[in-house]
Amino acid sequence: MLSVIAAGVIALGMLVSVGFWVPRICNRRRLRELLGERYPLVYLVYVANGPVLVLFGVFLICRFS
């Protein structure tokens, strides 16, 4: 059961990562216009929801499988 959850977390993290780097999905120019000086927060949200989720899922699989 835990390995299924870990696989889901990995898939979600990869989906966020791919979605962030595809220009049609995430229009970073528009976000920069909207957020102004708060634009670096976009990268913080990306890191927290992309690569960190992938690493957490890999950790779960390695630790508990």
PDB file of N, CA and C in Angstrom:
ATOM      1  N   MET A   1       0.822  -1.194   0.000  1.00  0.00           N
ATOM      2  CA  MET A   1       0.000   0.000   0.000  1.00  0.00           C
ATOM      3  C   MET A   1       0.864   1.255   0.000  1.00  0.00           C
ATOM      4  N   LEU A   2       1.923   1.241   0.807  1.00  0.00           N
ATOM      5  CA  LEU A   2       2.799   2.402   0.891  1.00  0.00           C
ATOM      6  C   LEU A   2       3.556   2.629  -0.413  1.00  0.00           C
ATOM      7  N   SER A   3       3.882   1.561  -1.106  1.00  0.00           N
ATOM      8  CA  SER A   3       4.591   1.730  -2.378  1.00  0.00           C
ATOM      9  C   SER A   3       3.678   2.350  -3.436  1.00  0.00           C
ATOM     10  N   VAL A   4       2.379   2.098  -3.358  1.00  0.00           N
ATOM     11  CA  VAL A   4       1.427   2.726  -4.288  1.00  0.00           C
ATOM     12  C   VAL A   4       1.341   4.225  -4.003  1.00  0.00           C
ATOM     13  N   ILE A   5       1.302   4.591  -2.739  1.00  0.00           N
ATOM     14  CA  ILE A   5       1.285   6.004  -2.362  1.00  0.00           C
ATOM     15  C   ILE A   5       2.573   6.682  -2.800  1.00  0.00           C
ATOM     16  N   ALA A   6       3.704   6.023  -2.595  1.00  0.00           N
ATOM     17  CA  ALA A   6       4.997   6.581  -3.007  1.00  0.00           C
ATOM     18  C   ALA A   6       5.056   6.764  -4.517  1.00  0.00           C
ATOM     19  N   ALA A   7       4.530   5.807  -5.263  1.00  0.00           N
ATOM     20  CA  ALA A   7       4.506   5.939  -6.719  1.00  0.00           C
ATOM     21  C   ALA A   7       3.621   7.115  -7.138  1.00  0.00           C
ATOM     22  N   GLY A   8       2.525   7.316  -6.446  1.00  0.00           N
ATOM     23  CA  GLY A   8       1.656   8.457  -6.726  1.00  0.00           C
ATOM     24  C   GLY A   8       2.329   9.784  -6.428  1.00  0.00           C
ATOM     25  N   VAL A   9       3.075   9.832  -5.330  1.00  0.00           N
ATOM     26  CA  VAL A   9       3.811  11.046  -4.970  1.00  0.00           C
ATOM     27  C   VAL A   9       4.882  11.342  -6.023  1.00  0.00           C
ATOM     28  N   ILE A  10       5.568  10.316  -6.475  1.00  0.00           N
ATOM     29  CA  ILE A  10       6.579  10.494  -7.517  1.00  0.00           C
ATOM     30  C   ILE A  10       5.934  10.993  -8.805  1.00  0.00           C
ATOM     31  N   ALA A  11       4.820  10.403  -9.175  1.00  0.00           N
ATOM     32  CA  ALA A  11       4.132  10.819 -10.403  1.00  0.00           C
ATOM     33  C   ALA A  11       3.655  12.275 -10.292  1.00  0.00           C
ATOM     34  N   LEU A  12       3.123  12.655  -9.152  1.00  0.00           N
ATOM     35  CA  LEU A  12       2.678  14.026  -8.957  1.00  0.00           C
ATOM     36  C   LEU A  12       3.853  15.000  -9.029  1.00  0.00           C
ATOM     37  N   GLY A  13       4.959  14.653  -8.390  1.00  0.00           N
ATOM     38  CA  GLY A  13       6.149  15.509  -8.444  1.00  0.00           C
ATOM     39  C   GLY A  13       6.688  15.661  -9.851  1.00  0.00           C
ATOM     40  N   MET A  14       6.673  14.576 -10.620  1.00  0.00           N
ATOM     41  CA  MET A  14       7.144  14.654 -11.999  1.00  0.00           C
ATOM     42  C   MET A  14       6.182  15.468 -12.853  1.00  0.00           C
ATOM     43  N   LEU A  15       4.893  15.338 -12.604  1.00  0.00           N
ATOM     44  CA  LEU A  15       3.897  16.111 -13.341  1.00  0.00           C
ATOM     45  C   LEU A  15       4.069  17.605 -13.081  1.00  0.00           C
ATOM     46  N   VAL A  16       4.301  17.983 -11.840  1.00  0.00           N
ATOM     47  CA  VAL A  16       4.535  19.387 -11.497  1.00  0.00           C
ATOM     48  C   VAL A  16       5.808  19.877 -12.163  1.00  0.00           C
ATOM     49  N   SER A  17       6.862  19.065 -12.144  1.00  0.00           N
ATOM     50  CA  SER A  17       8.127  19.466 -12.758  1.00  0.00           C
ATOM     51  C   SER A  17       7.981  19.688 -14.257  1.00  0.00           C
ATOM     52  N   VAL A  18       7.345  18.762 -14.923  1.00  0.00           N
ATOM     53  CA  VAL A  18       7.154  18.902 -16.372  1.00  0.00           C
ATOM     54  C   VAL A  18       6.240  20.084 -16.669  1.00  0.00           C
ATOM     55  N   GLY A  19       5.182  20.227 -15.903  1.00  0.00           N
ATOM     56  CA  GLY A  19       4.261  21.332 -16.117  1.00  0.00           C
ATOM     57  C   GLY A  19       4.897  22.694 -15.937  1.00  0.00           C
ATOM     58  N   PHE A  20       5.853  22.791 -15.019  1.00  0.00           N
ATOM     59  CA  PHE A  20       6.515  24.066 -14.780  1.00  0.00           C
ATOM     60  C   PHE A  20       7.415  24.463 -15.939  1.00  0.00           C
ATOM     61  N   TRP A  21       8.039  23.509 -16.582  1.00  0.00           N
ATOM     62  CA  TRP A  21       9.005  23.831 -17.625  1.00  0.00           C
ATOM     63  C   TRP A  21       8.410  23.875 -19.021  1.00  0.00           C
ATOM     64  N   VAL A  22       7.150  23.476 -19.203  1.00  0.00           N
ATOM     65  CA  VAL A  22       6.496  23.578 -20.509  1.00  0.00           C
ATOM     66  C   VAL A  22       5.856  24.962 -20.604  1.00  0.00           C
ATOM     67  N   PRO A  23       6.286  25.784 -21.564  1.00  0.00           N
ATOM     68  CA  PRO A  23       5.819  27.181 -21.613  1.00  0.00           C
ATOM     69  C   PRO A  23       4.310  27.338 -21.780  1.00  0.00           C
ATOM     70  N   ARG A  24       3.638  26.452 -22.482  1.00  0.00           N
ATOM     71  CA  ARG A  24       2.200  26.622 -22.676  1.00  0.00           C
ATOM     72  C   ARG A  24       1.404  26.328 -21.409  1.00  0.00           C
ATOM     73  N   ILE A  25       1.952  25.528 -20.523  1.00  0.00           N
ATOM     74  CA  ILE A  25       1.243  25.200 -19.288  1.00  0.00           C
ATOM     75  C   ILE A  25       1.480  26.276 -18.226  1.00  0.00           C
ATOM     76  N   CYS A  26       2.708  26.664 -18.054  1.00  0.00           N
ATOM     77  CA  CYS A  26       3.062  27.673 -17.053  1.00  0.00           C
ATOM     78  C   CYS A  26       3.702  28.855 -17.777  1.00  0.00           C
ATOM     79  N   ASN A  27       2.952  29.924 -17.935  1.00  0.00           N
ATOM     80  CA  ASN A  27       3.445  31.103 -18.624  1.00  0.00           C
ATOM     81  C   ASN A  27       4.211  31.968 -17.620  1.00  0.00           C
ATOM     82  N   ARG A  28       5.525  31.778 -17.570  1.00  0.00           N
ATOM     83  CA  ARG A  28       6.331  32.478 -16.575  1.00  0.00           C
ATOM     84  C   ARG A  28       6.439  33.974 -16.837  1.00  0.00           C
ATOM     85  N   ARG A  29       6.351  34.381 -18.080  1.00  0.00           N
ATOM     86  CA  ARG A  29       6.366  35.824 -18.367  1.00  0.00           C
ATOM     87  C   ARG A  29       5.149  36.501 -17.745  1.00  0.00           C
ATOM     88  N   ARG A  30       4.011  35.869 -17.901  1.00  0.00           N
ATOM     89  CA  ARG A  30       2.785  36.422 -17.317  1.00  0.00           C
ATOM     90  C   ARG A  30       2.850  36.408 -15.792  1.00  0.00           C
ATOM     91  N   LEU A  31       3.387  35.346 -15.232  1.00  0.00           N
ATOM     92  CA  LEU A  31       3.544  35.297 -13.773  1.00  0.00           C
ATOM     93  C   LEU A  31       4.479  36.385 -13.284  1.00  0.00           C
ATOM     94  N   ARG A  32       5.543  36.647 -14.041  1.00  0.00           N
ATOM     95  CA  ARG A  32       6.480  37.702 -13.649  1.00  0.00           C
ATOM     96  C   ARG A  32       5.778  39.055 -13.656  1.00  0.00           C
ATOM     97  N   GLU A  33       4.908  39.288 -14.646  1.00  0.00           N
ATOM     98  CA  GLU A  33       4.153  40.543 -14.699  1.00  0.00           C
ATOM     99  C   GLU A  33       3.199  40.655 -13.510  1.00  0.00           C
ATOM    100  N   LEU A  34       2.529  39.582 -13.183  1.00  0.00           N
ATOM    101  CA  LEU A  34       1.553  39.606 -12.101  1.00  0.00           C
ATOM    102  C   LEU A  34       2.198  39.728 -10.717  1.00  0.00           C
ATOM    103  N   LEU A  35       3.286  39.014 -10.507  1.00  0.00           N
ATOM    104  CA  LEU A  35       3.881  38.949  -9.170  1.00  0.00           C
ATOM    105  C   LEU A  35       4.911  40.030  -8.899  1.00  0.00           C
ATOM    106  N   GLY A  36       5.523  40.563  -9.942  1.00  0.00           N
ATOM    107  CA  GLY A  36       6.524  41.610  -9.744  1.00  0.00           C
ATOM    108  C   GLY A  36       7.717  41.102  -8.954  1.00  0.00           C
ATOM    109  N   GLU A  37       8.008  41.776  -7.852  1.00  0.00           N
ATOM    110  CA  GLU A  37       9.191  41.414  -7.058  1.00  0.00           C
ATOM    111  C   GLU A  37       8.995  40.132  -6.253  1.00  0.00           C
ATOM    112  N   ARG A  38       7.772  39.641  -6.168  1.00  0.00           N
ATOM    113  CA  ARG A  38       7.514  38.381  -5.466  1.00  0.00           C
ATOM    114  C   ARG A  38       7.676  37.172  -6.384  1.00  0.00           C
ATOM    115  N   TYR A  39       8.141  37.376  -7.598  1.00  0.00           N
ATOM    116  CA  TYR A  39       8.280  36.299  -8.575  1.00  0.00           C
ATOM    117  C   TYR A  39       9.161  35.140  -8.098  1.00  0.00           C
ATOM    118  N   PRO A  40      10.247  35.350  -7.348  1.00  0.00           N
ATOM    119  CA  PRO A  40      11.045  34.204  -6.880  1.00  0.00           C
ATOM    120  C   PRO A  40      10.250  33.189  -6.053  1.00  0.00           C
ATOM    121  N   LEU A  41       9.112  33.575  -5.509  1.00  0.00           N
ATOM    122  CA  LEU A  41       8.274  32.623  -4.775  1.00  0.00           C
ATOM    123  C   LEU A  41       7.755  31.516  -5.677  1.00  0.00           C
ATOM    124  N   VAL A  42       7.659  31.800  -6.971  1.00  0.00           N
ATOM    125  CA  VAL A  42       7.236  30.769  -7.923  1.00  0.00           C
ATOM    126  C   VAL A  42       8.224  29.607  -7.893  1.00  0.00           C
ATOM    127  N   TYR A  43       9.504  29.920  -7.835  1.00  0.00           N
ATOM    128  CA  TYR A  43      10.524  28.870  -7.797  1.00  0.00           C
ATOM    129  C   TYR A  43      10.481  28.116  -6.483  1.00  0.00           C
ATOM    130  N   LEU A  44      10.192  28.786  -5.400  1.00  0.00           N
ATOM    131  CA  LEU A  44      10.065  28.116  -4.108  1.00  0.00           C
ATOM    132  C   LEU A  44       8.913  27.118  -4.141  1.00  0.00           C
ATOM    133  N   VAL A  45       7.785  27.532  -4.688  1.00  0.00           N
ATOM    134  CA  VAL A  45       6.630  26.639  -4.796  1.00  0.00           C
ATOM    135  C   VAL A  45       6.957  25.476  -5.723  1.00  0.00           C
ATOM    136  N   TYR A  46       7.655  25.762  -6.833  1.00  0.00           N
ATOM    137  CA  TYR A  46       8.039  24.696  -7.764  1.00  0.00           C
ATOM    138  C   TYR A  46       8.932  23.667  -7.084  1.00  0.00           C
ATOM    139  N   VAL A  47       9.951  24.122  -6.386  1.00  0.00           N
ATOM    140  CA  VAL A  47      10.882  23.188  -5.733  1.00  0.00           C
ATOM    141  C   VAL A  47      10.168  22.371  -4.673  1.00  0.00           C
ATOM    142  N   ALA A  48       9.276  23.002  -3.924  1.00  0.00           N
ATOM    143  CA  ALA A  48       8.561  22.290  -2.867  1.00  0.00           C
ATOM    144  C   ALA A  48       7.594  21.254  -3.428  1.00  0.00           C
ATOM    145  N   ASN A  49       7.054  21.498  -4.605  1.00  0.00           N
ATOM    146  CA  ASN A  49       6.046  20.601  -5.151  1.00  0.00           C
ATOM    147  C   ASN A  49       6.534  19.747  -6.306  1.00  0.00           C
ATOM    148  N   GLY A  50       7.717  19.946  -6.777  1.00  0.00           N
ATOM    149  CA  GLY A  50       8.240  19.158  -7.886  1.00  0.00           C
ATOM    150  C   GLY A  50       9.308  18.187  -7.417  1.00  0.00           C
ATOM    151  N   PRO A  51      10.550  18.629  -7.420  1.00  0.00           N
ATOM    152  CA  PRO A  51      11.655  17.735  -7.069  1.00  0.00           C
ATOM    153  C   PRO A  51      11.581  17.172  -5.645  1.00  0.00           C
ATOM    154  N   VAL A  52      11.076  17.942  -4.703  1.00  0.00           N
ATOM    155  CA  VAL A  52      11.012  17.448  -3.324  1.00  0.00           C
ATOM    156  C   VAL A  52      10.009  16.304  -3.214  1.00  0.00           C
ATOM    157  N   LEU A  53       8.889  16.393  -3.929  1.00  0.00           N
ATOM    158  CA  LEU A  53       7.936  15.281  -3.912  1.00  0.00           C
ATOM    159  C   LEU A  53       8.536  14.028  -4.542  1.00  0.00           C
ATOM    160  N   VAL A  54       9.288  14.203  -5.615  1.00  0.00           N
ATOM    161  CA  VAL A  54       9.939  13.050  -6.248  1.00  0.00           C
ATOM    162  C   VAL A  54      10.922  12.411  -5.273  1.00  0.00           C
ATOM    163  N   LEU A  55      11.741  13.226  -4.634  1.00  0.00           N
ATOM    164  CA  LEU A  55      12.711  12.690  -3.665  1.00  0.00           C
ATOM    165  C   LEU A  55      12.017  12.021  -2.483  1.00  0.00           C
ATOM    166  N   PHE A  56      10.920  12.590  -2.020  1.00  0.00           N
ATOM    167  CA  PHE A  56      10.179  11.994  -0.917  1.00  0.00           C
ATOM    168  C   PHE A  56       9.596  10.644  -1.315  1.00  0.00           C
ATOM    169  N   GLY A  57       9.063  10.549  -2.519  1.00  0.00           N
ATOM    170  CA  GLY A  57       8.535   9.274  -3.002  1.00  0.00           C
ATOM    171  C   GLY A  57       9.621   8.223  -3.132  1.00  0.00           C
ATOM    172  N   VAL A  58      10.782   8.619  -3.644  1.00  0.00           N
ATOM    173  CA  VAL A  58      11.902   7.683  -3.759  1.00  0.00           C
ATOM    174  C   VAL A  58      12.357   7.242  -2.371  1.00  0.00           C
ATOM    175  N   PHE A  59      12.386   8.163  -1.438  1.00  0.00           N
ATOM    176  CA  PHE A  59      12.747   7.820  -0.058  1.00  0.00           C
ATOM    177  C   PHE A  59      11.767   6.799   0.519  1.00  0.00           C
ATOM    178  N   LEU A  60      10.471   7.013   0.293  1.00  0.00           N
ATOM    179  CA  LEU A  60       9.483   6.070   0.812  1.00  0.00           C
ATOM    180  C   LEU A  60       9.667   4.685   0.226  1.00  0.00           C
ATOM    181  N   ILE A  61       9.910   4.628  -1.072  1.00  0.00           N
ATOM    182  CA  ILE A  61      10.112   3.322  -1.703  1.00  0.00           C
ATOM    183  C   ILE A  61      11.380   2.647  -1.189  1.00  0.00           C
ATOM    184  N   CYS A  62      12.453   3.389  -1.091  1.00  0.00           N
ATOM    185  CA  CYS A  62      13.722   2.797  -0.627  1.00  0.00           C
ATOM    186  C   CYS A  62      13.653   2.382   0.844  1.00  0.00           C
ATOM    187  N   ARG A  63      13.006   3.173   1.638  1.00  0.00           N
ATOM    188  CA  ARG A  63      12.990   2.921   3.084  1.00  0.00           C
ATOM    189  C   ARG A  63      12.017   1.812   3.485  1.00  0.00           C
ATOM    190  N   PHE A  64      10.864   1.758   2.865  1.00  0.00           N
ATOM    191  CA  PHE A  64       9.816   0.871   3.338  1.00  0.00           C
ATOM    192  C   PHE A  64       9.487  -0.297   2.396  1.00  0.00           C
ATOM    193  N   SER A  65      10.253  -0.460   1.345  1.00  0.00           N
ATOM    194  CA  SER A  65       9.961  -1.606   0.441  1.00  0.00           C
ATOM    195  C   SER A  65      10.997  -2.685   0.580  1.00  0.00           C
TER     196      SER A  65
END
